[in-house]
Amino acid sequence: PEAPVIRISDPAKLGQLLGTLRLADGWSRRGMAREIAALSDRSENTVNAQLWEWGNGHTRPDPSSLGLYLAALGYDLALVPRTDPAPDRRTA
């Protein structure tokens, strides 16, 4: 089955949303950090600290750091057209 699309209307809350998805999928922050560390060259403690920063809104995830996290959760990073597109700036 295809994974559901999750729309993010406030990029400042992306880290908190990822934490919510992680918990809904049954992952602890430490478990997710362990998984990401095993797949990368980063330490578990470093990844855990980054996830804590994201979840508390202290820092925002950037696309380059999302790949392993989203893969562990079963999501892809995708651009999905909105149903209420912004005005076309090319013709404005």
N, C-alpha and C. Protein backbone atom coordinates (compact mmCIF):
# COMPACT_ATOMS: atom_id res chain seq x y z
N PRO A 1 0.83 -1.20 0.00
CA PRO A 1 0.00 0.00 0.00
C PRO A 1 0.86 1.25 0.00
N GLU A 2 0.32 2.29 -0.58
CA GLU A 2 1.03 3.55 -0.69
C GLU A 2 0.94 4.32 0.64
N ALA A 3 2.05 4.92 1.04
CA ALA A 3 2.09 5.68 2.29
C ALA A 3 1.25 6.95 2.14
N PRO A 4 0.63 7.39 3.21
CA PRO A 4 -0.17 8.61 3.13
C PRO A 4 0.72 9.83 2.91
N VAL A 5 0.14 10.85 2.32
CA VAL A 5 0.84 12.12 2.12
C VAL A 5 0.62 12.97 3.35
N ILE A 6 1.68 13.55 3.85
CA ILE A 6 1.58 14.43 5.01
C ILE A 6 1.93 15.83 4.55
N ARG A 7 1.00 16.72 4.68
CA ARG A 7 1.23 18.10 4.27
C ARG A 7 1.77 18.91 5.45
N ILE A 8 2.77 19.71 5.17
CA ILE A 8 3.39 20.54 6.20
C ILE A 8 3.10 21.99 5.85
N SER A 9 2.22 22.60 6.60
CA SER A 9 1.85 23.98 6.31
C SER A 9 2.77 24.98 7.00
N ASP A 10 3.47 24.56 8.05
CA ASP A 10 4.38 25.44 8.78
C ASP A 10 5.73 24.76 8.89
N PRO A 11 6.69 25.14 8.03
CA PRO A 11 8.01 24.49 8.06
C PRO A 11 8.69 24.55 9.42
N ALA A 12 8.36 25.54 10.23
CA ALA A 12 8.97 25.65 11.55
C ALA A 12 8.58 24.49 12.46
N LYS A 13 7.50 23.79 12.12
CA LYS A 13 7.03 22.69 12.95
C LYS A 13 7.37 21.32 12.37
N LEU A 14 8.23 21.27 11.36
CA LEU A 14 8.59 20.00 10.74
C LEU A 14 9.22 19.04 11.74
N GLY A 15 10.13 19.51 12.56
CA GLY A 15 10.78 18.64 13.54
C GLY A 15 9.79 18.04 14.52
N GLN A 16 8.83 18.82 14.97
CA GLN A 16 7.81 18.33 15.88
C GLN A 16 6.92 17.29 15.18
N LEU A 17 6.58 17.54 13.92
CA LEU A 17 5.79 16.58 13.16
C LEU A 17 6.54 15.26 13.01
N LEU A 18 7.82 15.33 12.72
CA LEU A 18 8.62 14.11 12.58
C LEU A 18 8.64 13.33 13.89
N GLY A 19 8.73 14.03 15.01
CA GLY A 19 8.68 13.37 16.31
C GLY A 19 7.35 12.67 16.53
N THR A 20 6.27 13.32 16.13
CA THR A 20 4.94 12.72 16.26
C THR A 20 4.82 11.48 15.40
N LEU A 21 5.32 11.55 14.16
CA LEU A 21 5.29 10.38 13.27
C LEU A 21 6.14 9.25 13.85
N ARG A 22 7.29 9.58 14.40
CA ARG A 22 8.17 8.59 14.99
C ARG A 22 7.48 7.84 16.11
N LEU A 23 6.84 8.59 16.99
CA LEU A 23 6.12 7.97 18.11
C LEU A 23 4.95 7.13 17.63
N ALA A 24 4.22 7.62 16.64
CA ALA A 24 3.07 6.88 16.10
C ALA A 24 3.51 5.57 15.46
N ASP A 25 4.76 5.55 14.97
CA ASP A 25 5.29 4.34 14.35
C ASP A 25 5.97 3.43 15.37
N GLY A 26 5.96 3.83 16.65
CA GLY A 26 6.49 2.98 17.70
C GLY A 26 7.98 3.13 17.97
N TRP A 27 8.59 4.18 17.46
CA TRP A 27 10.01 4.40 17.68
C TRP A 27 10.24 5.34 18.86
N SER A 28 11.19 5.00 19.71
CA SER A 28 11.67 5.97 20.69
C SER A 28 12.69 6.85 19.98
N ARG A 29 12.97 8.00 20.54
CA ARG A 29 13.98 8.88 19.94
C ARG A 29 15.33 8.17 19.93
N ARG A 30 15.67 7.51 21.03
CA ARG A 30 16.95 6.81 21.13
C ARG A 30 17.01 5.65 20.12
N GLY A 31 15.92 4.93 19.95
CA GLY A 31 15.89 3.85 18.97
C GLY A 31 16.08 4.35 17.56
N MET A 32 15.44 5.47 17.23
CA MET A 32 15.60 6.06 15.91
C MET A 32 17.03 6.53 15.72
N ALA A 33 17.61 7.13 16.75
CA ALA A 33 19.00 7.59 16.68
C ALA A 33 19.94 6.41 16.45
N ARG A 34 19.68 5.31 17.11
CA ARG A 34 20.49 4.10 16.96
C ARG A 34 20.40 3.58 15.52
N GLU A 35 19.20 3.56 14.97
CA GLU A 35 18.99 3.10 13.60
C GLU A 35 19.72 4.00 12.60
N ILE A 36 19.58 5.30 12.74
CA ILE A 36 20.23 6.24 11.82
C ILE A 36 21.74 6.15 11.96
N ALA A 37 22.25 6.04 13.18
CA ALA A 37 23.70 5.93 13.39
C ALA A 37 24.26 4.67 12.73
N ALA A 38 23.51 3.58 12.78
CA ALA A 38 23.96 2.33 12.17
C ALA A 38 24.04 2.44 10.65
N LEU A 39 23.23 3.32 10.07
CA LEU A 39 23.20 3.49 8.62
C LEU A 39 24.09 4.63 8.12
N SER A 40 24.70 5.34 9.05
CA SER A 40 25.51 6.51 8.68
C SER A 40 26.85 6.45 9.40
N ASP A 41 27.61 7.50 9.24
CA ASP A 41 28.90 7.58 9.92
C ASP A 41 28.83 8.46 11.17
N ARG A 42 27.63 8.66 11.69
CA ARG A 42 27.43 9.52 12.85
C ARG A 42 27.22 8.68 14.11
N SER A 43 27.53 9.28 15.26
CA SER A 43 27.33 8.55 16.51
C SER A 43 25.87 8.60 16.94
N GLU A 44 25.46 7.61 17.70
CA GLU A 44 24.10 7.57 18.22
C GLU A 44 23.79 8.80 19.06
N ASN A 45 24.75 9.22 19.89
CA ASN A 45 24.52 10.39 20.75
C ASN A 45 24.35 11.67 19.93
N THR A 46 25.12 11.81 18.86
CA THR A 46 25.00 13.00 18.01
C THR A 46 23.63 13.03 17.33
N VAL A 47 23.22 11.89 16.81
CA VAL A 47 21.91 11.82 16.14
C VAL A 47 20.79 12.06 17.15
N ASN A 48 20.89 11.46 18.32
CA ASN A 48 19.88 11.65 19.36
C ASN A 48 19.74 13.13 19.71
N ALA A 49 20.88 13.81 19.86
CA ALA A 49 20.84 15.24 20.18
C ALA A 49 20.17 16.03 19.06
N GLN A 50 20.46 15.67 17.82
CA GLN A 50 19.84 16.36 16.68
C GLN A 50 18.33 16.15 16.69
N LEU A 51 17.89 14.92 16.93
CA LEU A 51 16.45 14.64 16.97
C LEU A 51 15.77 15.40 18.09
N TRP A 52 16.45 15.52 19.23
CA TRP A 52 15.91 16.29 20.35
C TRP A 52 15.76 17.75 19.95
N GLU A 53 16.77 18.31 19.30
CA GLU A 53 16.72 19.71 18.85
C GLU A 53 15.56 19.93 17.87
N TRP A 54 15.39 18.99 16.95
CA TRP A 54 14.28 19.10 15.99
C TRP A 54 12.94 19.05 16.72
N GLY A 55 12.78 18.08 17.58
CA GLY A 55 11.50 17.86 18.25
C GLY A 55 11.10 19.01 19.16
N ASN A 56 12.08 19.72 19.68
CA ASN A 56 11.79 20.85 20.56
C ASN A 56 11.79 22.19 19.84
N GLY A 57 11.94 22.16 18.53
CA GLY A 57 11.88 23.39 17.74
C GLY A 57 13.10 24.27 17.85
N HIS A 58 14.20 23.75 18.38
CA HIS A 58 15.42 24.56 18.52
C HIS A 58 16.15 24.70 17.19
N THR A 59 16.08 23.66 16.37
CA THR A 59 16.63 23.71 15.02
C THR A 59 15.62 23.06 14.09
N ARG A 60 15.78 23.33 12.80
CA ARG A 60 14.90 22.75 11.79
C ARG A 60 15.67 21.72 10.98
N PRO A 61 15.02 20.62 10.65
CA PRO A 61 15.67 19.66 9.76
C PRO A 61 15.89 20.27 8.39
N ASP A 62 17.00 19.94 7.76
CA ASP A 62 17.19 20.35 6.38
C ASP A 62 17.08 19.11 5.50
N PRO A 63 16.77 19.29 4.23
CA PRO A 63 16.52 18.13 3.37
C PRO A 63 17.66 17.10 3.36
N SER A 64 18.91 17.56 3.48
CA SER A 64 20.02 16.61 3.43
C SER A 64 20.07 15.70 4.65
N SER A 65 19.46 16.10 5.75
CA SER A 65 19.49 15.27 6.95
C SER A 65 18.21 14.46 7.15
N LEU A 66 17.28 14.56 6.23
CA LEU A 66 16.01 13.87 6.38
C LEU A 66 15.96 12.46 5.80
N GLY A 67 16.83 12.16 4.84
CA GLY A 67 16.72 10.91 4.10
C GLY A 67 16.65 9.66 4.95
N LEU A 68 17.63 9.45 5.83
CA LEU A 68 17.64 8.24 6.66
C LEU A 68 16.47 8.22 7.63
N TYR A 69 16.13 9.37 8.18
CA TYR A 69 15.02 9.46 9.13
C TYR A 69 13.71 9.05 8.46
N LEU A 70 13.45 9.65 7.31
CA LEU A 70 12.21 9.34 6.60
C LEU A 70 12.19 7.90 6.11
N ALA A 71 13.34 7.39 5.66
CA ALA A 71 13.40 6.00 5.20
C ALA A 71 13.05 5.05 6.34
N ALA A 72 13.54 5.31 7.53
CA ALA A 72 13.24 4.45 8.68
C ALA A 72 11.75 4.48 9.00
N LEU A 73 11.12 5.61 8.77
CA LEU A 73 9.68 5.74 9.02
C LEU A 73 8.83 5.22 7.85
N GLY A 74 9.46 4.98 6.70
CA GLY A 74 8.72 4.50 5.54
C GLY A 74 8.15 5.60 4.68
N TYR A 75 8.76 6.78 4.73
CA TYR A 75 8.30 7.92 3.93
C TYR A 75 9.39 8.37 2.98
N ASP A 76 8.98 9.02 1.90
CA ASP A 76 9.88 9.69 0.97
C ASP A 76 9.66 11.19 1.11
N LEU A 77 10.67 11.95 0.78
CA LEU A 77 10.52 13.39 0.71
C LEU A 77 10.04 13.70 -0.70
N ALA A 78 8.88 14.28 -0.84
CA ALA A 78 8.30 14.52 -2.16
C ALA A 78 7.72 15.92 -2.24
N LEU A 79 7.68 16.42 -3.44
CA LEU A 79 7.00 17.69 -3.69
C LEU A 79 5.62 17.34 -4.21
N VAL A 80 4.61 17.76 -3.46
CA VAL A 80 3.22 17.45 -3.81
C VAL A 80 2.51 18.76 -4.12
N PRO A 81 1.91 18.88 -5.30
CA PRO A 81 1.20 20.12 -5.63
C PRO A 81 0.08 20.39 -4.62
N ARG A 82 -0.05 21.63 -4.25
CA ARG A 82 -1.14 22.02 -3.35
C ARG A 82 -2.44 22.10 -4.13
N THR A 83 -3.54 21.95 -3.43
CA THR A 83 -4.83 22.10 -4.08
C THR A 83 -5.21 23.58 -4.17
N ASP A 84 -4.54 24.42 -3.39
CA ASP A 84 -4.78 25.87 -3.42
C ASP A 84 -3.47 26.57 -3.76
N PRO A 85 -3.03 26.47 -5.05
CA PRO A 85 -1.73 27.00 -5.42
C PRO A 85 -1.63 28.51 -5.21
N ALA A 86 -0.41 28.92 -4.95
CA ALA A 86 -0.13 30.36 -4.81
C ALA A 86 -0.32 31.01 -6.19
N PRO A 87 -0.56 32.31 -6.20
CA PRO A 87 -0.71 32.99 -7.50
C PRO A 87 0.54 32.78 -8.35
N ASP A 88 0.34 32.71 -9.65
CA ASP A 88 1.47 32.51 -10.57
C ASP A 88 2.30 33.78 -10.63
N ARG A 89 3.46 33.73 -10.04
CA ARG A 89 4.33 34.91 -9.98
C ARG A 89 4.94 35.24 -11.34
N ARG A 90 4.96 34.28 -12.24
CA ARG A 90 5.54 34.53 -13.56
C ARG A 90 4.70 35.52 -14.35
N THR A 91 3.39 35.56 -14.09
CA THR A 91 2.53 36.45 -14.87
C THR A 91 2.11 37.67 -14.07
N ALA A 92 2.47 37.73 -12.79
CA ALA A 92 2.06 38.85 -11.95
C ALA A 92 2.96 40.05 -12.13
